[in-house]
Every structure is written in C-alpha cells, then in structure tokens.
Amino acid sequence: MRSKHRPQRTCVVCREKREKRQLTRLVMASGRLQADPSGKLDGRGAYLCENPACWNAAGRATLSRALRCELHEDDCALLRQMTPS
C-alpha cells in the first residue's frame, strides 16, 4: 500500500526541508505580516521552523526577500512576539 503524500516546505532561514505541518507559514495579508496556521490565506507565504534561532535570525531582509515585499518595523515587532520559546 502506498503512503499518503505529505507536502514538504523549506524554512527560509535554515533551509531545512520538513513536512508542511511542522512549519509556520507567514504571509503578508492586507499589508500586515500574519501567521497563517491554516495555510490557506491568499498571498505569497514564507515558512519558518519552530527553532527559536531561526525566528530570531529571520530579520527584515530575509522575510522581505522571501515574501517579495517590504516589511515595516511593526511587522518585525510582531515577528519577535510570535517567536516560540
């Protein structure tokens, strides 16, 4: 019997591939950075693993490049608040 297909995504910081459900999707929606737990919000997404070091290293330049838009200071502050412990 064939195993079920499990989508793979890559963390934008450490570049490690994992199952989509193991990563957190971030998306620019309505001009604001948002976490997308459902994975279904419109817009280009960027994935981060649950490693706090990746969240701390995911700065303005990394996410701006991955999301193809300019991040503002309030988006960076929100990212710091969402960082897992």
N, C-alpha and C. Protein backbone atom coordinates (compact mmCIF):
# COMPACT_ATOMS: atom_id res chain seq x y z
N MET A 1 0.83 -1.17 0.00
CA MET A 1 0.00 0.00 0.00
C MET A 1 0.89 1.25 0.00
N ARG A 2 0.52 2.23 -0.79
CA ARG A 2 1.30 3.45 -0.90
C ARG A 2 1.03 4.37 0.28
N SER A 3 2.07 5.05 0.71
CA SER A 3 1.89 6.01 1.80
C SER A 3 1.31 7.31 1.26
N LYS A 4 0.63 8.02 2.12
CA LYS A 4 -0.02 9.26 1.72
C LYS A 4 1.04 10.34 1.46
N HIS A 5 0.79 11.14 0.43
CA HIS A 5 1.70 12.23 0.08
C HIS A 5 1.67 13.30 1.18
N ARG A 6 2.81 13.73 1.62
CA ARG A 6 2.91 14.77 2.63
C ARG A 6 3.76 15.91 2.05
N PRO A 7 3.13 17.07 1.84
CA PRO A 7 3.86 18.19 1.23
C PRO A 7 5.07 18.62 2.06
N GLN A 8 6.15 18.94 1.37
CA GLN A 8 7.37 19.40 2.00
C GLN A 8 7.54 20.89 1.74
N ARG A 9 8.04 21.61 2.74
CA ARG A 9 8.36 23.01 2.60
C ARG A 9 9.73 23.25 3.23
N THR A 10 10.34 24.40 2.90
CA THR A 10 11.67 24.72 3.37
C THR A 10 11.64 25.95 4.26
N CYS A 11 12.30 25.88 5.40
CA CYS A 11 12.44 27.03 6.28
C CYS A 11 13.30 28.07 5.56
N VAL A 12 12.87 29.33 5.55
CA VAL A 12 13.59 30.37 4.82
C VAL A 12 14.91 30.75 5.47
N VAL A 13 15.14 30.35 6.72
CA VAL A 13 16.38 30.69 7.41
C VAL A 13 17.38 29.54 7.34
N CYS A 14 17.03 28.38 7.89
CA CYS A 14 17.99 27.27 7.96
C CYS A 14 17.98 26.40 6.70
N ARG A 15 16.99 26.61 5.82
CA ARG A 15 16.87 25.90 4.54
C ARG A 15 16.65 24.40 4.71
N GLU A 16 16.18 23.98 5.87
CA GLU A 16 15.90 22.57 6.13
C GLU A 16 14.48 22.24 5.67
N LYS A 17 14.35 21.13 4.94
CA LYS A 17 13.04 20.71 4.46
C LYS A 17 12.34 19.88 5.52
N ARG A 18 11.06 20.18 5.72
CA ARG A 18 10.23 19.44 6.67
C ARG A 18 8.83 19.34 6.10
N GLU A 19 8.01 18.56 6.80
CA GLU A 19 6.61 18.49 6.40
C GLU A 19 5.96 19.85 6.63
N LYS A 20 5.03 20.19 5.76
CA LYS A 20 4.37 21.49 5.81
C LYS A 20 3.75 21.78 7.18
N ARG A 21 3.18 20.79 7.81
CA ARG A 21 2.52 20.98 9.11
C ARG A 21 3.48 21.24 10.25
N GLN A 22 4.76 20.96 10.05
CA GLN A 22 5.76 21.20 11.09
C GLN A 22 6.32 22.62 11.04
N LEU A 23 5.95 23.38 10.02
CA LEU A 23 6.46 24.73 9.84
C LEU A 23 5.33 25.74 10.03
N THR A 24 5.70 26.97 10.35
CA THR A 24 4.73 28.05 10.49
C THR A 24 4.79 28.91 9.24
N ARG A 25 3.64 29.12 8.62
CA ARG A 25 3.57 29.94 7.42
C ARG A 25 3.29 31.37 7.80
N LEU A 26 4.10 32.29 7.27
CA LEU A 26 3.89 33.71 7.43
C LEU A 26 3.49 34.28 6.09
N VAL A 27 2.53 35.20 6.10
CA VAL A 27 2.03 35.77 4.85
C VAL A 27 1.74 37.25 5.06
N MET A 28 1.91 38.03 4.01
CA MET A 28 1.51 39.44 4.04
C MET A 28 0.07 39.49 3.55
N ALA A 29 -0.85 39.83 4.47
CA ALA A 29 -2.26 39.94 4.12
C ALA A 29 -2.74 41.33 4.54
N SER A 30 -3.33 42.04 3.62
CA SER A 30 -3.81 43.40 3.87
C SER A 30 -2.69 44.32 4.35
N GLY A 31 -1.50 44.12 3.83
CA GLY A 31 -0.38 44.97 4.16
C GLY A 31 0.26 44.71 5.51
N ARG A 32 -0.14 43.63 6.20
CA ARG A 32 0.42 43.28 7.51
C ARG A 32 0.94 41.85 7.49
N LEU A 33 1.97 41.62 8.26
CA LEU A 33 2.51 40.28 8.43
C LEU A 33 1.60 39.49 9.36
N GLN A 34 1.22 38.28 8.96
CA GLN A 34 0.35 37.45 9.77
C GLN A 34 0.84 36.02 9.75
N ALA A 35 0.62 35.32 10.85
CA ALA A 35 0.83 33.87 10.88
C ALA A 35 -0.39 33.24 10.24
N ASP A 36 -0.18 32.20 9.46
CA ASP A 36 -1.27 31.53 8.77
C ASP A 36 -1.31 30.06 9.18
N PRO A 37 -1.94 29.75 10.32
CA PRO A 37 -1.95 28.36 10.79
C PRO A 37 -2.70 27.42 9.86
N SER A 38 -3.70 27.92 9.13
CA SER A 38 -4.47 27.06 8.23
C SER A 38 -3.72 26.81 6.93
N GLY A 39 -2.82 27.71 6.57
CA GLY A 39 -2.09 27.58 5.31
C GLY A 39 -2.92 27.93 4.10
N LYS A 40 -4.01 28.65 4.29
CA LYS A 40 -4.92 28.92 3.19
C LYS A 40 -5.15 30.39 2.89
N LEU A 41 -4.48 31.28 3.61
CA LEU A 41 -4.63 32.71 3.32
C LEU A 41 -4.05 33.02 1.96
N ASP A 42 -4.64 34.00 1.29
CA ASP A 42 -4.13 34.43 -0.01
C ASP A 42 -2.79 35.13 0.17
N GLY A 43 -1.96 35.04 -0.84
CA GLY A 43 -0.69 35.75 -0.83
C GLY A 43 0.49 34.81 -0.77
N ARG A 44 1.63 35.38 -1.03
CA ARG A 44 2.87 34.61 -1.01
C ARG A 44 3.26 34.32 0.44
N GLY A 45 3.62 33.11 0.72
CA GLY A 45 3.97 32.71 2.07
C GLY A 45 5.44 32.40 2.22
N ALA A 46 5.91 32.49 3.45
CA ALA A 46 7.27 32.10 3.81
C ALA A 46 7.14 31.21 5.04
N TYR A 47 7.95 30.17 5.11
CA TYR A 47 7.85 29.20 6.19
C TYR A 47 9.04 29.30 7.12
N LEU A 48 8.75 29.17 8.43
CA LEU A 48 9.79 29.13 9.45
C LEU A 48 9.58 27.89 10.30
N CYS A 49 10.68 27.22 10.65
CA CYS A 49 10.58 26.06 11.53
C CYS A 49 10.39 26.55 12.96
N GLU A 50 10.18 25.65 13.89
CA GLU A 50 9.89 26.02 15.27
C GLU A 50 11.15 26.30 16.10
N ASN A 51 12.30 26.31 15.47
CA ASN A 51 13.55 26.60 16.15
C ASN A 51 13.62 28.10 16.47
N PRO A 52 13.71 28.49 17.75
CA PRO A 52 13.76 29.91 18.10
C PRO A 52 14.92 30.66 17.43
N ALA A 53 16.03 29.97 17.16
CA ALA A 53 17.16 30.62 16.49
C ALA A 53 16.77 31.07 15.08
N CYS A 54 15.96 30.29 14.40
CA CYS A 54 15.51 30.67 13.06
C CYS A 54 14.59 31.90 13.13
N TRP A 55 13.73 31.93 14.15
CA TRP A 55 12.83 33.07 14.31
C TRP A 55 13.62 34.34 14.62
N ASN A 56 14.66 34.22 15.44
CA ASN A 56 15.48 35.38 15.77
C ASN A 56 16.31 35.84 14.58
N ALA A 57 16.75 34.91 13.75
CA ALA A 57 17.56 35.25 12.58
C ALA A 57 16.72 35.75 11.41
N ALA A 58 15.42 35.47 11.44
CA ALA A 58 14.54 35.90 10.35
C ALA A 58 14.28 37.40 10.48
N GLY A 59 15.18 38.16 9.94
CA GLY A 59 15.06 39.61 10.02
C GLY A 59 14.32 40.18 8.83
N ARG A 60 14.36 41.46 8.77
CA ARG A 60 13.67 42.21 7.73
C ARG A 60 14.12 41.78 6.33
N ALA A 61 15.42 41.63 6.13
CA ALA A 61 15.95 41.29 4.80
C ALA A 61 15.51 39.90 4.35
N THR A 62 15.60 38.92 5.23
CA THR A 62 15.27 37.55 4.88
C THR A 62 13.80 37.41 4.50
N LEU A 63 12.92 37.92 5.34
CA LEU A 63 11.48 37.80 5.05
C LEU A 63 11.05 38.69 3.90
N SER A 64 11.65 39.86 3.76
CA SER A 64 11.31 40.73 2.63
C SER A 64 11.63 40.04 1.31
N ARG A 65 12.76 39.36 1.27
CA ARG A 65 13.15 38.64 0.06
C ARG A 65 12.21 37.46 -0.19
N ALA A 66 11.89 36.72 0.85
CA ALA A 66 11.03 35.54 0.70
C ALA A 66 9.59 35.92 0.33
N LEU A 67 9.08 37.00 0.91
CA LEU A 67 7.70 37.42 0.66
C LEU A 67 7.58 38.37 -0.53
N ARG A 68 8.73 38.84 -1.02
CA ARG A 68 8.79 39.76 -2.15
C ARG A 68 8.01 41.05 -1.88
N CYS A 69 8.20 41.58 -0.68
CA CYS A 69 7.60 42.87 -0.31
C CYS A 69 8.42 43.46 0.82
N GLU A 70 8.21 44.73 1.09
CA GLU A 70 8.96 45.42 2.13
C GLU A 70 8.27 45.26 3.47
N LEU A 71 9.01 44.82 4.48
CA LEU A 71 8.48 44.71 5.84
C LEU A 71 8.71 46.01 6.59
N HIS A 72 7.78 46.37 7.44
CA HIS A 72 7.88 47.58 8.24
C HIS A 72 8.31 47.20 9.65
N GLU A 73 8.65 48.19 10.45
CA GLU A 73 9.13 47.95 11.81
C GLU A 73 8.08 47.24 12.67
N ASP A 74 6.79 47.57 12.49
CA ASP A 74 5.75 46.91 13.28
C ASP A 74 5.62 45.43 12.90
N ASP A 75 5.93 45.09 11.64
CA ASP A 75 5.93 43.68 11.23
C ASP A 75 7.06 42.93 11.93
N CYS A 76 8.22 43.56 12.05
CA CYS A 76 9.35 42.94 12.74
C CYS A 76 9.05 42.77 14.23
N ALA A 77 8.36 43.75 14.82
CA ALA A 77 7.98 43.64 16.24
C ALA A 77 7.00 42.49 16.43
N LEU A 78 6.06 42.33 15.52
CA LEU A 78 5.09 41.22 15.59
C LEU A 78 5.81 39.89 15.46
N LEU A 79 6.79 39.82 14.59
CA LEU A 79 7.57 38.60 14.42
C LEU A 79 8.28 38.22 15.72
N ARG A 80 8.83 39.21 16.42
CA ARG A 80 9.50 38.96 17.70
C ARG A 80 8.50 38.44 18.74
N GLN A 81 7.27 38.93 18.70
CA GLN A 81 6.25 38.48 19.65
C GLN A 81 5.83 37.04 19.38
N MET A 82 5.83 36.64 18.12
CA MET A 82 5.40 35.30 17.74
C MET A 82 6.47 34.24 17.92
N THR A 83 7.70 34.65 18.24
CA THR A 83 8.83 33.71 18.37
C THR A 83 8.53 32.65 19.42
N PRO A 84 8.63 31.35 19.03
CA PRO A 84 8.40 30.29 20.03
C PRO A 84 9.54 30.26 21.07
N SER A 85 9.20 29.81 22.26
CA SER A 85 10.23 29.77 23.32
C SER A 85 11.03 28.50 23.29
